[in-house]
PDB file of N, CA and C in Angstrom:
ATOM      1  N   MET A   1     143.058  86.840 126.239  1.00  0.00           N
ATOM      2  CA  MET A   1     142.130  87.230 127.269  1.00  0.00           C
ATOM      3  C   MET A   1     141.979  88.749 127.329  1.00  0.00           C
ATOM      4  N   ARG A   2     143.125  89.440 127.172  1.00  0.00           N
ATOM      5  CA  ARG A   2     143.077  90.901 127.206  1.00  0.00           C
ATOM      6  C   ARG A   2     142.268  91.457 126.047  1.00  0.00           C
ATOM      7  N   ARG A   3     142.358  90.825 124.892  1.00  0.00           N
ATOM      8  CA  ARG A   3     141.599  91.289 123.724  1.00  0.00           C
ATOM      9  C   ARG A   3     140.104  91.238 123.998  1.00  0.00           C
ATOM     10  N   VAL A   4     139.664  90.174 124.610  1.00  0.00           N
ATOM     11  CA  VAL A   4     138.244  90.031 124.931  1.00  0.00           C
ATOM     12  C   VAL A   4     137.827  91.102 125.923  1.00  0.00           C
ATOM     13  N   LEU A   5     138.664  91.341 126.929  1.00  0.00           N
ATOM     14  CA  LEU A   5     138.375  92.377 127.923  1.00  0.00           C
ATOM     15  C   LEU A   5     138.303  93.746 127.263  1.00  0.00           C
ATOM     16  N   TYR A   6     139.276  94.061 126.407  1.00  0.00           N
ATOM     17  CA  TYR A   6     139.273  95.348 125.706  1.00  0.00           C
ATOM     18  C   TYR A   6     138.061  95.472 124.774  1.00  0.00           C
ATOM     19  N   PHE A   7     137.701  94.370 124.150  1.00  0.00           N
ATOM     20  CA  PHE A   7     136.527  94.394 123.266  1.00  0.00           C
ATOM     21  C   PHE A   7     135.274  94.767 124.049  1.00  0.00           C
ATOM     22  N   PHE A   8     135.043  94.089 125.176  1.00  0.00           N
ATOM     23  CA  PHE A   8     133.848  94.364 125.970  1.00  0.00           C
ATOM     24  C   PHE A   8     133.896  95.750 126.611  1.00  0.00           C
ATOM     25  N   LEU A   9     135.068  96.194 126.993  1.00  0.00           N
ATOM     26  CA  LEU A   9     135.212  97.534 127.541  1.00  0.00           C
ATOM     27  C   LEU A   9     134.882  98.573 126.459  1.00  0.00           C
ATOM     28  N   GLY A  10     135.401  98.361 125.264  1.00  0.00           N
ATOM     29  CA  GLY A  10     135.099  99.260 124.149  1.00  0.00           C
ATOM     30  C   GLY A  10     133.624  99.246 123.796  1.00  0.00           C
ATOM     31  N   LEU A  11     133.030  98.056 123.824  1.00  0.00           N
ATOM     32  CA  LEU A  11     131.599  97.933 123.554  1.00  0.00           C
ATOM     33  C   LEU A  11     130.784  98.687 124.606  1.00  0.00           C
ATOM     34  N   LEU A  12     131.149  98.551 125.856  1.00  0.00           N
ATOM     35  CA  LEU A  12     130.458  99.250 126.941  1.00  0.00           C
ATOM     36  C   LEU A  12     130.579 100.761 126.780  1.00  0.00           C
ATOM     37  N   ILE A  13     131.766 101.231 126.477  1.00  0.00           N
ATOM     38  CA  ILE A  13     131.969 102.669 126.266  1.00  0.00           C
ATOM     39  C   ILE A  13     131.139 103.150 125.076  1.00  0.00           C
ATOM     40  N   GLY A  14     131.090 102.361 124.020  1.00  0.00           N
ATOM     41  CA  GLY A  14     130.288 102.727 122.846  1.00  0.00           C
ATOM     42  C   GLY A  14     128.811 102.830 123.182  1.00  0.00           C
ATOM     43  N   VAL A  15     128.301 101.875 123.940  1.00  0.00           N
ATOM     44  CA  VAL A  15     126.889 101.901 124.333  1.00  0.00           C
ATOM     45  C   VAL A  15     126.595 103.130 125.183  1.00  0.00           C
ATOM     46  N   VAL A  16     127.472 103.446 126.126  1.00  0.00           N
ATOM     47  CA  VAL A  16     127.286 104.621 126.984  1.00  0.00           C
ATOM     48  C   VAL A  16     127.305 105.896 126.145  1.00  0.00           C
ATOM     49  N   LEU A  17     128.214 106.000 125.184  1.00  0.00           N
ATOM     50  CA  LEU A  17     128.291 107.192 124.331  1.00  0.00           C
ATOM     51  C   LEU A  17     127.038 107.342 123.457  1.00  0.00           C
ATOM     52  N   VAL A  18     126.550 106.245 122.913  1.00  0.00           N
ATOM     53  CA  VAL A  18     125.333 106.300 122.097  1.00  0.00           C
ATOM     54  C   VAL A  18     124.141 106.738 122.956  1.00  0.00           C
ATOM     55  N   ALA A  19     124.011 106.156 124.149  1.00  0.00           N
ATOM     56  CA  ALA A  19     122.910 106.539 125.039  1.00  0.00           C
ATOM     57  C   ALA A  19     123.009 108.011 125.427  1.00  0.00           C
ATOM     58  N   ALA A  20     124.202 108.476 125.728  1.00  0.00           N
ATOM     59  CA  ALA A  20     124.396 109.889 126.075  1.00  0.00           C
ATOM     60  C   ALA A  20     124.055 110.784 124.878  1.00  0.00           C
ATOM     61  N   GLY A  21     124.419 110.357 123.689  1.00  0.00           N
ATOM     62  CA  GLY A  21     124.090 111.132 122.493  1.00  0.00           C
ATOM     63  C   GLY A  21     122.591 111.259 122.283  1.00  0.00           C
ATOM     64  N   PHE A  22     121.867 110.154 122.481  1.00  0.00           N
ATOM     65  CA  PHE A  22     120.408 110.210 122.366  1.00  0.00           C
ATOM     66  C   PHE A  22     119.814 111.148 123.412  1.00  0.00           C
ATOM     67  N   ARG A  23     120.335 111.106 124.629  1.00  0.00           N
ATOM     68  CA  ARG A  23     119.811 111.962 125.698  1.00  0.00           C
ATOM     69  C   ARG A  23     120.057 113.428 125.383  1.00  0.00           C
ATOM     70  N   VAL A  24     121.245 113.761 124.884  1.00  0.00           N
ATOM     71  CA  VAL A  24     121.560 115.141 124.510  1.00  0.00           C
ATOM     72  C   VAL A  24     120.648 115.594 123.372  1.00  0.00           C
ATOM     73  N   ALA A  25     120.453 114.754 122.368  1.00  0.00           N
ATOM     74  CA  ALA A  25     119.572 115.102 121.247  1.00  0.00           C
ATOM     75  C   ALA A  25     118.143 115.344 121.727  1.00  0.00           C
ATOM     76  N   ALA A  26     117.663 114.521 122.648  1.00  0.00           N
ATOM     77  CA  ALA A  26     116.309 114.695 123.183  1.00  0.00           C
ATOM     78  C   ALA A  26     116.206 115.995 123.959  1.00  0.00           C
ATOM     79  N   ALA A  27     117.217 116.306 124.766  1.00  0.00           N
ATOM     80  CA  ALA A  27     117.199 117.547 125.548  1.00  0.00           C
ATOM     81  C   ALA A  27     117.184 118.768 124.633  1.00  0.00           C
ATOM     82  N   LEU A  28     117.954 118.723 123.563  1.00  0.00           N
ATOM     83  CA  LEU A  28     117.973 119.842 122.618  1.00  0.00           C
ATOM     84  C   LEU A  28     116.629 119.979 121.904  1.00  0.00           C
ATOM     85  N   ARG A  29     116.044 118.870 121.512  1.00  0.00           N
ATOM     86  CA  ARG A  29     114.772 118.882 120.814  1.00  0.00           C
ATOM     87  C   ARG A  29     113.657 119.369 121.737  1.00  0.00           C
ATOM     88  N   GLU A  30     113.664 118.957 122.992  1.00  0.00           N
ATOM     89  CA  GLU A  30     112.609 119.316 123.924  1.00  0.00           C
ATOM     90  C   GLU A  30     112.699 120.764 124.383  1.00  0.00           C
ATOM     91  N   SER A  31     113.808 121.433 124.114  1.00  0.00           N
ATOM     92  CA  SER A  31     113.939 122.828 124.503  1.00  0.00           C
ATOM     93  C   SER A  31     113.540 123.776 123.367  1.00  0.00           C
ATOM     94  N   ASP A  32     113.225 123.236 122.196  1.00  0.00           N
ATOM     95  CA  ASP A  32     112.785 124.072 121.082  1.00  0.00           C
ATOM     96  C   ASP A  32     111.426 124.680 121.392  1.00  0.00           C
ATOM     97  N   PRO A  33     111.164 125.897 120.901  1.00  0.00           N
ATOM     98  CA  PRO A  33     109.836 126.493 121.093  1.00  0.00           C
ATOM     99  C   PRO A  33     108.760 125.633 120.423  1.00  0.00           C
ATOM    100  N   LEU A  34     107.568 125.649 120.993  1.00  0.00           N
ATOM    101  CA  LEU A  34     106.473 124.825 120.494  1.00  0.00           C
ATOM    102  C   LEU A  34     106.192 125.094 119.017  1.00  0.00           C
ATOM    103  N   GLN A  35     106.262 126.339 118.593  1.00  0.00           N
ATOM    104  CA  GLN A  35     105.967 126.676 117.201  1.00  0.00           C
ATOM    105  C   GLN A  35     106.934 126.019 116.232  1.00  0.00           C
ATOM    106  N   VAL A  36     108.134 125.706 116.677  1.00  0.00           N
ATOM    107  CA  VAL A  36     109.137 125.083 115.815  1.00  0.00           C
ATOM    108  C   VAL A  36     108.860 123.593 115.636  1.00  0.00           C
ATOM    109  N   VAL A  37     108.439 122.919 116.693  1.00  0.00           N
ATOM    110  CA  VAL A  37     108.274 121.466 116.647  1.00  0.00           C
ATOM    111  C   VAL A  37     106.834 121.020 116.411  1.00  0.00           C
ATOM    112  N   LEU A  38     105.892 121.950 116.458  1.00  0.00           N
ATOM    113  CA  LEU A  38     104.482 121.601 116.292  1.00  0.00           C
ATOM    114  C   LEU A  38     104.225 121.053 114.891  1.00  0.00           C
ATOM    115  N   PRO A  39     103.607 119.873 114.778  1.00  0.00           N
ATOM    116  CA  PRO A  39     103.326 119.307 113.453  1.00  0.00           C
ATOM    117  C   PRO A  39     102.369 120.211 112.664  1.00  0.00           C
ATOM    118  N   ALA A  40     102.559 120.265 111.367  1.00  0.00           N
ATOM    119  CA  ALA A  40     101.746 121.131 110.511  1.00  0.00           C
ATOM    120  C   ALA A  40     100.280 120.721 110.507  1.00  0.00           C
ATOM    121  N   GLU A  41      99.989 119.422 110.708  1.00  0.00           N
ATOM    122  CA  GLU A  41      98.610 118.963 110.617  1.00  0.00           C
ATOM    123  C   GLU A  41      97.797 119.229 111.879  1.00  0.00           C
ATOM    124  N   GLY A  42      98.423 119.713 112.948  1.00  0.00           N
ATOM    125  CA  GLY A  42      97.708 119.950 114.196  1.00  0.00           C
ATOM    126  C   GLY A  42      97.565 121.425 114.508  1.00  0.00           C
ATOM    127  N   ARG A  43      96.819 121.697 115.596  1.00  0.00           N
ATOM    128  CA  ARG A  43      96.701 123.074 116.068  1.00  0.00           C
ATOM    129  C   ARG A  43      96.505 123.063 117.576  1.00  0.00           C
ATOM    130  N   ILE A  44      96.745 124.205 118.179  1.00  0.00           N
ATOM    131  CA  ILE A  44      96.577 124.371 119.620  1.00  0.00           C
ATOM    132  C   ILE A  44      95.221 125.015 119.880  1.00  0.00           C
ATOM    133  N   VAL A  45      94.461 124.428 120.806  1.00  0.00           N
ATOM    134  CA  VAL A  45      93.162 124.972 121.221  1.00  0.00           C
ATOM    135  C   VAL A  45      93.317 125.454 122.659  1.00  0.00           C
ATOM    136  N   GLN A  46      93.018 126.724 122.894  1.00  0.00           N
ATOM    137  CA  GLN A  46      93.077 127.276 124.244  1.00  0.00           C
ATOM    138  C   GLN A  46      91.813 126.877 125.000  1.00  0.00           C
ATOM    139  N   THR A  47      91.978 126.249 126.160  1.00  0.00           N
ATOM    140  CA  THR A  47      90.848 125.800 126.968  1.00  0.00           C
ATOM    141  C   THR A  47      91.038 126.274 128.406  1.00  0.00           C
ATOM    142  N   ASP A  48      90.021 126.045 129.234  1.00  0.00           N
ATOM    143  CA  ASP A  48      90.137 126.351 130.658  1.00  0.00           C
ATOM    144  C   ASP A  48      91.156 125.452 131.348  1.00  0.00           C
ATOM    145  N   ALA A  49      91.490 124.330 130.743  1.00  0.00           N
ATOM    146  CA  ALA A  49      92.457 123.383 131.304  1.00  0.00           C
ATOM    147  C   ALA A  49      93.840 123.551 130.687  1.00  0.00           C
ATOM    148  N   GLY A  50      94.061 124.620 129.943  1.00  0.00           N
ATOM    149  CA  GLY A  50      95.353 124.853 129.305  1.00  0.00           C
ATOM    150  C   GLY A  50      95.282 124.693 127.805  1.00  0.00           C
ATOM    151  N   ALA A  51      96.432 124.834 127.164  1.00  0.00           N
ATOM    152  CA  ALA A  51      96.532 124.733 125.708  1.00  0.00           C
ATOM    153  C   ALA A  51      96.635 123.265 125.316  1.00  0.00           C
ATOM    154  N   LEU A  52      95.684 122.799 124.502  1.00  0.00           N
ATOM    155  CA  LEU A  52      95.643 121.398 124.097  1.00  0.00           C
ATOM    156  C   LEU A  52      95.886 121.282 122.599  1.00  0.00           C
ATOM    157  N   HIS A  53      96.704 120.322 122.215  1.00  0.00           N
ATOM    158  CA  HIS A  53      97.001 120.075 120.809  1.00  0.00           C
ATOM    159  C   HIS A  53      96.014 119.058 120.254  1.00  0.00           C
ATOM    160  N   VAL A  54      95.441 119.387 119.101  1.00  0.00           N
ATOM    161  CA  VAL A  54      94.517 118.476 118.434  1.00  0.00           C
ATOM    162  C   VAL A  54      94.867 118.377 116.958  1.00  0.00           C
ATOM    163  N   ILE A  55      94.518 117.253 116.376  1.00  0.00           N
ATOM    164  CA  ILE A  55      94.558 117.078 114.930  1.00  0.00           C
ATOM    165  C   ILE A  55      93.114 116.865 114.506  1.00  0.00           C
ATOM    166  N   GLU A  56      92.663 117.641 113.533  1.00  0.00           N
ATOM    167  CA  GLU A  56      91.286 117.548 113.055  1.00  0.00           C
ATOM    168  C   GLU A  56      91.277 117.255 111.566  1.00  0.00           C
ATOM    169  N   MET A  57      90.348 116.413 111.158  1.00  0.00           N
ATOM    170  CA  MET A  57      90.138 116.129 109.741  1.00  0.00           C
ATOM    171  C   MET A  57      88.646 116.002 109.505  1.00  0.00           C
ATOM    172  N   GLY A  58      88.237 116.348 108.312  1.00  0.00           N
ATOM    173  CA  GLY A  58      86.834 116.213 107.956  1.00  0.00           C
ATOM    174  C   GLY A  58      86.125 117.553 107.951  1.00  0.00           C
ATOM    175  N   PRO A  59      84.870 117.553 107.510  1.00  0.00           N
ATOM    176  CA  PRO A  59      84.117 118.806 107.422  1.00  0.00           C
ATOM    177  C   PRO A  59      83.810 119.381 108.810  1.00  0.00           C
ATOM    178  N   PRO A  60      83.946 120.695 108.976  1.00  0.00           N
ATOM    179  CA  PRO A  60      83.680 121.319 110.278  1.00  0.00           C
ATOM    180  C   PRO A  60      82.250 121.100 110.781  1.00  0.00           C
ATOM    181  N   ASP A  61      81.309 120.898 109.866  1.00  0.00           N
ATOM    182  CA  ASP A  61      79.918 120.702 110.274  1.00  0.00           C
ATOM    183  C   ASP A  61      79.533 119.224 110.363  1.00  0.00           C
ATOM    184  N   GLY A  62      80.501 118.328 110.178  1.00  0.00           N
ATOM    185  CA  GLY A  62      80.223 116.896 110.272  1.00  0.00           C
ATOM    186  C   GLY A  62      80.037 116.462 111.721  1.00  0.00           C
ATOM    187  N   PRO A  63      79.408 115.312 111.933  1.00  0.00           N
ATOM    188  CA  PRO A  63      79.271 114.803 113.296  1.00  0.00           C
ATOM    189  C   PRO A  63      80.659 114.574 113.916  1.00  0.00           C
ATOM    190  N   PRO A  64      80.914 115.135 115.095  1.00  0.00           N
ATOM    191  CA  PRO A  64      82.257 115.005 115.676  1.00  0.00           C
ATOM    192  C   PRO A  64      82.511 113.634 116.287  1.00  0.00           C
ATOM    193  N   LEU A  65      83.735 113.160 116.085  1.00  0.00           N
ATOM    194  CA  LEU A  65      84.242 111.946 116.729  1.00  0.00           C
ATOM    195  C   LEU A  65      85.530 112.334 117.434  1.00  0.00           C
ATOM    196  N   LEU A  66      85.643 112.021 118.718  1.00  0.00           N
ATOM    197  CA  LEU A  66      86.846 112.354 119.486  1.00  0.00           C
ATOM    198  C   LEU A  66      87.661 111.089 119.721  1.00  0.00           C
ATOM    199  N   PHE A  67      88.948 111.144 119.377  1.00  0.00           N
ATOM    200  CA  PHE A  67      89.856 110.006 119.538  1.00  0.00           C
ATOM    201  C   PHE A  67      90.886 110.341 120.606  1.00  0.00           C
ATOM    202  N   LEU A  68      91.065 109.423 121.555  1.00  0.00           N
ATOM    203  CA  LEU A  68      92.022 109.596 122.647  1.00  0.00           C
ATOM    204  C   LEU A  68      93.036 108.466 122.610  1.00  0.00           C
ATOM    205  N   HIS A  69      94.276 108.789 122.897  1.00  0.00           N
ATOM    206  CA  HIS A  69      95.336 107.782 122.893  1.00  0.00           C
ATOM    207  C   HIS A  69      95.580 107.252 124.299  1.00  0.00           C
ATOM    208  N   GLY A  70      96.353 106.200 124.378  1.00  0.00           N
ATOM    209  CA  GLY A  70      96.740 105.629 125.658  1.00  0.00           C
ATOM    210  C   GLY A  70      98.096 106.169 126.096  1.00  0.00           C
ATOM    211  N   THR A  71      98.693 105.503 127.041  1.00  0.00           N
ATOM    212  CA  THR A  71      99.972 105.929 127.599  1.00  0.00           C
ATOM    213  C   THR A  71     101.082 105.889 126.554  1.00  0.00           C
ATOM    214  N   ALA A  72     101.939 106.899 126.615  1.00  0.00           N
ATOM    215  CA  ALA A  72     103.125 107.012 125.764  1.00  0.00           C
ATOM    216  C   ALA A  72     102.788 107.084 124.278  1.00  0.00           C
ATOM    217  N   ALA A  73     101.688 107.726 123.945  1.00  0.00           N
ATOM    218  CA  ALA A  73     101.305 107.910 122.543  1.00  0.00           C
ATOM    219  C   ALA A  73     100.936 109.383 122.335  1.00  0.00           C
ATOM    220  N   TRP A  74     100.458 109.712 121.157  1.00  0.00           N
ATOM    221  CA  TRP A  74     100.023 111.080 120.867  1.00  0.00           C
ATOM    222  C   TRP A  74      98.961 111.033 119.785  1.00  0.00           C
ATOM    223  N   SER A  75      98.379 112.185 119.464  1.00  0.00           N
ATOM    224  CA  SER A  75      97.271 112.255 118.512  1.00  0.00           C
ATOM    225  C   SER A  75      97.649 111.758 117.123  1.00  0.00           C
ATOM    226  N   GLY A  76      98.905 111.875 116.740  1.00  0.00           N
ATOM    227  CA  GLY A  76      99.349 111.419 115.424  1.00  0.00           C
ATOM    228  C   GLY A  76      99.116 109.935 115.195  1.00  0.00           C
ATOM    229  N   LEU A  77      98.998 109.185 116.276  1.00  0.00           N
ATOM    230  CA  LEU A  77      98.702 107.761 116.187  1.00  0.00           C
ATOM    231  C   LEU A  77      97.406 107.513 115.408  1.00  0.00           C
ATOM    232  N   TRP A  78      96.463 108.437 115.510  1.00  0.00           N
ATOM    233  CA  TRP A  78      95.135 108.265 114.926  1.00  0.00           C
ATOM    234  C   TRP A  78      95.018 108.755 113.480  1.00  0.00           C
ATOM    235  N   GLN A  79      96.068 109.306 112.892  1.00  0.00           N
ATOM    236  CA  GLN A  79      95.946 109.927 111.566  1.00  0.00           C
ATOM    237  C   GLN A  79      95.306 109.036 110.508  1.00  0.00           C
ATOM    238  N   PRO A  80      95.674 107.770 110.359  1.00  0.00           N
ATOM    239  CA  PRO A  80      95.001 106.949 109.342  1.00  0.00           C
ATOM    240  C   PRO A  80      93.495 106.802 109.600  1.00  0.00           C
ATOM    241  N   VAL A  81      93.142 106.652 110.866  1.00  0.00           N
ATOM    242  CA  VAL A  81      91.729 106.514 111.224  1.00  0.00           C
ATOM    243  C   VAL A  81      90.995 107.846 111.017  1.00  0.00           C
ATOM    244  N   LEU A  82      91.645 108.951 111.377  1.00  0.00           N
ATOM    245  CA  LEU A  82      91.039 110.270 111.166  1.00  0.00           C
ATOM    246  C   LEU A  82      90.719 110.478 109.689  1.00  0.00           C
ATOM    247  N   GLY A  83      91.663 110.124 108.834  1.00  0.00           N
ATOM    248  CA  GLY A  83      91.446 110.263 107.394  1.00  0.00           C
ATOM    249  C   GLY A  83      90.285 109.422 106.908  1.00  0.00           C
ATOM    250  N   ALA A  84      90.184 108.202 107.395  1.00  0.00           N
ATOM    251  CA  ALA A  84      89.090 107.314 106.984  1.00  0.00           C
ATOM    252  C   ALA A  84      87.742 107.852 107.463  1.00  0.00           C
ATOM    253  N   MET A  85      87.695 108.353 108.683  1.00  0.00           N
ATOM    254  CA  MET A  85      86.434 108.902 109.214  1.00  0.00           C
ATOM    255  C   MET A  85      86.065 110.208 108.519  1.00  0.00           C
ATOM    256  N   ALA A  86      87.062 111.026 108.211  1.00  0.00           N
ATOM    257  CA  ALA A  86      86.816 112.274 107.490  1.00  0.00           C
ATOM    258  C   ALA A  86      86.247 111.989 106.101  1.00  0.00           C
ATOM    259  N   ALA A  87      86.749 110.936 105.462  1.00  0.00           N
ATOM    260  CA  ALA A  87      86.243 110.563 104.137  1.00  0.00           C
ATOM    261  C   ALA A  87      84.781 110.130 104.189  1.00  0.00           C
ATOM    262  N   GLN A  88      84.322 109.712 105.354  1.00  0.00           N
ATOM    263  CA  GLN A  88      82.918 109.324 105.517  1.00  0.00           C
ATOM    264  C   GLN A  88      82.055 110.473 106.015  1.00  0.00           C
ATOM    265  N   GLY A  89      82.629 111.691 106.085  1.00  0.00           N
ATOM    266  CA  GLY A  89      81.856 112.875 106.452  1.00  0.00           C
ATOM    267  C   GLY A  89      81.895 113.259 107.909  1.00  0.00           C
ATOM    268  N   TYR A  90      82.685 112.549 108.722  1.00  0.00           N
ATOM    269  CA  TYR A  90      82.786 112.889 110.138  1.00  0.00           C
ATOM    270  C   TYR A  90      83.834 113.973 110.361  1.00  0.00           C
ATOM    271  N   ARG A  91      83.662 114.741 111.420  1.00  0.00           N
ATOM    272  CA  ARG A  91      84.697 115.666 111.883  1.00  0.00           C
ATOM    273  C   ARG A  91      85.504 114.885 112.921  1.00  0.00           C
ATOM    274  N   ALA A  92      86.624 114.337 112.522  1.00  0.00           N
ATOM    275  CA  ALA A  92      87.448 113.482 113.369  1.00  0.00           C
ATOM    276  C   ALA A  92      88.472 114.338 114.106  1.00  0.00           C
ATOM    277  N   ILE A  93      88.505 114.211 115.423  1.00  0.00           N
ATOM    278  CA  ILE A  93      89.370 115.037 116.269  1.00  0.00           C
ATOM    279  C   ILE A  93      90.182 114.116 117.174  1.00  0.00           C
ATOM    280  N   ALA A  94      91.497 114.270 117.153  1.00  0.00           N
ATOM    281  CA  ALA A  94      92.375 113.505 118.044  1.00  0.00           C
ATOM    282  C   ALA A  94      93.070 114.483 118.987  1.00  0.00           C
ATOM    283  N   LEU A  95      93.044 114.168 120.265  1.00  0.00           N
ATOM    284  CA  LEU A  95      93.596 115.032 121.312  1.00  0.00           C
ATOM    285  C   LEU A  95      94.896 114.451 121.848  1.00  0.00           C
ATOM    286  N   ASP A  96      95.887 115.324 122.070  1.00  0.00           N
ATOM    287  CA  ASP A  96      97.102 114.933 122.791  1.00  0.00           C
ATOM    288  C   ASP A  96      96.812 115.044 124.281  1.00  0.00           C
ATOM    289  N   MET A  97      96.828 113.910 124.969  1.00  0.00           N
ATOM    290  CA  MET A  97      96.589 113.893 126.410  1.00  0.00           C
ATOM    291  C   MET A  97      97.924 114.130 127.138  1.00  0.00           C
ATOM    292  N   PRO A  98      98.030 115.233 127.885  1.00  0.00           N
ATOM    293  CA  PRO A  98      99.271 115.460 128.627  1.00  0.00           C
ATOM    294  C   PRO A  98      99.551 114.306 129.583  1.00  0.00           C
ATOM    295  N   PRO A  99     100.776 113.957 129.814  1.00  0.00           N
ATOM    296  CA  PRO A  99     101.997 114.690 129.477  1.00  0.00           C
ATOM    297  C   PRO A  99     102.596 114.296 128.138  1.00  0.00           C
ATOM    298  N   PHE A 100     101.855 113.602 127.275  1.00  0.00           N
ATOM    299  CA  PHE A 100     102.389 113.171 125.988  1.00  0.00           C
ATOM    300  C   PHE A 100     101.931 114.102 124.876  1.00  0.00           C
ATOM    301  N   GLY A 101     102.646 114.085 123.774  1.00  0.00           N
ATOM    302  CA  GLY A 101     102.270 114.900 122.633  1.00  0.00           C
ATOM    303  C   GLY A 101     102.652 116.354 122.824  1.00  0.00           C
ATOM    304  N   PHE A 102     101.868 117.236 122.224  1.00  0.00           N
ATOM    305  CA  PHE A 102     102.214 118.650 122.180  1.00  0.00           C
ATOM    306  C   PHE A 102     101.306 119.526 123.025  1.00  0.00           C
ATOM    307  N   SER A 103     100.419 118.946 123.818  1.00  0.00           N
ATOM    308  CA  SER A 103      99.584 119.731 124.705  1.00  0.00           C
ATOM    309  C   SER A 103     100.430 120.315 125.833  1.00  0.00           C
ATOM    310  N   GLU A 104      99.934 121.439 126.370  1.00  0.00           N
ATOM    311  CA  GLU A 104     100.639 122.121 127.459  1.00  0.00           C
ATOM    312  C   GLU A 104     100.734 121.207 128.681  1.00  0.00           C
ATOM    313  N   ARG A 105     101.876 121.236 129.308  1.00  0.00           N
ATOM    314  CA  ARG A 105     102.052 120.481 130.546  1.00  0.00           C
ATOM    315  C   ARG A 105     102.907 121.300 131.496  1.00  0.00           C
ATOM    316  N   SER A 106     102.478 121.316 132.734  1.00  0.00           N
ATOM    317  CA  SER A 106     103.209 122.023 133.778  1.00  0.00           C
ATOM    318  C   SER A 106     103.735 121.010 134.778  1.00  0.00           C
ATOM    319  N   PRO A 107     104.850 121.308 135.438  1.00  0.00           N
ATOM    320  CA  PRO A 107     105.431 120.336 136.367  1.00  0.00           C
ATOM    321  C   PRO A 107     104.472 119.869 137.461  1.00  0.00           C
ATOM    322  N   GLY A 108     103.578 120.720 137.927  1.00  0.00           N
ATOM    323  CA  GLY A 108     102.678 120.341 139.006  1.00  0.00           C
ATOM    324  C   GLY A 108     101.361 119.745 138.557  1.00  0.00           C
ATOM    325  N   ASP A 109     101.170 119.594 137.256  1.00  0.00           N
ATOM    326  CA  ASP A 109      99.903 119.069 136.737  1.00  0.00           C
ATOM    327  C   ASP A 109      99.671 117.625 137.160  1.00  0.00           C
ATOM    328  N   SER A 110      98.408 117.323 137.410  1.00  0.00           N
ATOM    329  CA  SER A 110      98.015 115.952 137.694  1.00  0.00           C
ATOM    330  C   SER A 110      97.620 115.279 136.381  1.00  0.00           C
ATOM    331  N   HIS A 111      97.873 114.001 136.286  1.00  0.00           N
ATOM    332  CA  HIS A 111      97.501 113.249 135.093  1.00  0.00           C
ATOM    333  C   HIS A 111      96.638 112.049 135.451  1.00  0.00           C
ATOM    334  N   ASP A 112      95.944 112.146 136.584  1.00  0.00           N
ATOM    335  CA  ASP A 112      95.047 111.062 136.955  1.00  0.00           C
ATOM    336  C   ASP A 112      93.784 111.129 136.106  1.00  0.00           C
ATOM    337  N   ARG A 113      92.914 110.171 136.273  1.00  0.00           N
ATOM    338  CA  ARG A 113      91.714 110.088 135.424  1.00  0.00           C
ATOM    339  C   ARG A 113      90.835 111.327 135.535  1.00  0.00           C
ATOM    340  N   ALA A 114      90.671 111.834 136.743  1.00  0.00           N
ATOM    341  CA  ALA A 114      89.818 113.007 136.939  1.00  0.00           C
ATOM    342  C   ALA A 114      90.392 114.225 136.213  1.00  0.00           C
ATOM    343  N   ALA A 115      91.707 114.417 136.299  1.00  0.00           N
ATOM    344  CA  ALA A 115      92.343 115.557 135.626  1.00  0.00           C
ATOM    345  C   ALA A 115      92.252 115.413 134.109  1.00  0.00           C
ATOM    346  N   GLN A 116      92.452 114.198 133.599  1.00  0.00           N
ATOM    347  CA  GLN A 116      92.355 113.985 132.153  1.00  0.00           C
ATOM    348  C   GLN A 116      90.911 114.183 131.684  1.00  0.00           C
ATOM    349  N   ALA A 117      89.956 113.729 132.474  1.00  0.00           N
ATOM    350  CA  ALA A 117      88.543 113.928 132.123  1.00  0.00           C
ATOM    351  C   ALA A 117      88.227 115.420 132.084  1.00  0.00           C
ATOM    352  N   ALA A 118      88.778 116.185 133.016  1.00  0.00           N
ATOM    353  CA  ALA A 118      88.561 117.639 133.028  1.00  0.00           C
ATOM    354  C   ALA A 118      89.137 118.280 131.760  1.00  0.00           C
ATOM    355  N   ARG A 119      90.272 117.792 131.294  1.00  0.00           N
ATOM    356  CA  ARG A 119      90.857 118.302 130.054  1.00  0.00           C
ATOM    357  C   ARG A 119      89.956 117.991 128.851  1.00  0.00           C
ATOM    358  N   ILE A 120      89.420 116.794 128.815  1.00  0.00           N
ATOM    359  CA  ILE A 120      88.531 116.418 127.713  1.00  0.00           C
ATOM    360  C   ILE A 120      87.286 117.294 127.709  1.00  0.00           C
ATOM    361  N   LEU A 121      86.684 117.512 128.878  1.00  0.00           N
ATOM    362  CA  LEU A 121      85.503 118.376 128.977  1.00  0.00           C
ATOM    363  C   LEU A 121      85.832 119.807 128.571  1.00  0.00           C
ATOM    364  N   ALA A 122      87.006 120.300 128.983  1.00  0.00           N
ATOM    365  CA  ALA A 122      87.420 121.649 128.599  1.00  0.00           C
ATOM    366  C   ALA A 122      87.578 121.767 127.083  1.00  0.00           C
ATOM    367  N   LEU A 123      88.123 120.724 126.449  1.00  0.00           N
ATOM    368  CA  LEU A 123      88.248 120.739 124.990  1.00  0.00           C
ATOM    369  C   LEU A 123      86.870 120.760 124.334  1.00  0.00           C
ATOM    370  N   LEU A 124      85.966 119.937 124.821  1.00  0.00           N
ATOM    371  CA  LEU A 124      84.624 119.894 124.239  1.00  0.00           C
ATOM    372  C   LEU A 124      83.910 121.228 124.369  1.00  0.00           C
ATOM    373  N   LYS A 125      84.114 121.927 125.486  1.00  0.00           N
ATOM    374  CA  LYS A 125      83.519 123.249 125.678  1.00  0.00           C
ATOM    375  C   LYS A 125      84.144 124.282 124.730  1.00  0.00           C
ATOM    376  N   ALA A 126      85.453 124.158 124.524  1.00  0.00           N
ATOM    377  CA  ALA A 126      86.151 125.127 123.667  1.00  0.00           C
ATOM    378  C   ALA A 126      85.766 124.906 122.211  1.00  0.00           C
TER     379      ALA A 126
END
């Protein structure tokens, strides 16, 4: 009986240590400067709504297509589609919608539909 108890206690401690390790790794990664973690295929666009990260593919003079992700995703999700659209002559643009991805986010920022729409309009103007 004691062996089973020790086994489950050890298993519980192992799970807690693994979870703590992941949390520490995430905290260290999230404290890196943006220039260090920014993917090579993207760039930052300065807008009236803050700095927004985009990935662009295709000819600069091609008809633009804007791709937006859903919750808990980022612009990299669209890379295969961006490549396919770029091959057809479109200027394919994927935006990181805060608070996800590499776009600027401030603690007091709103992420409701109106605020996200304002970010999209600011990107289009920029």
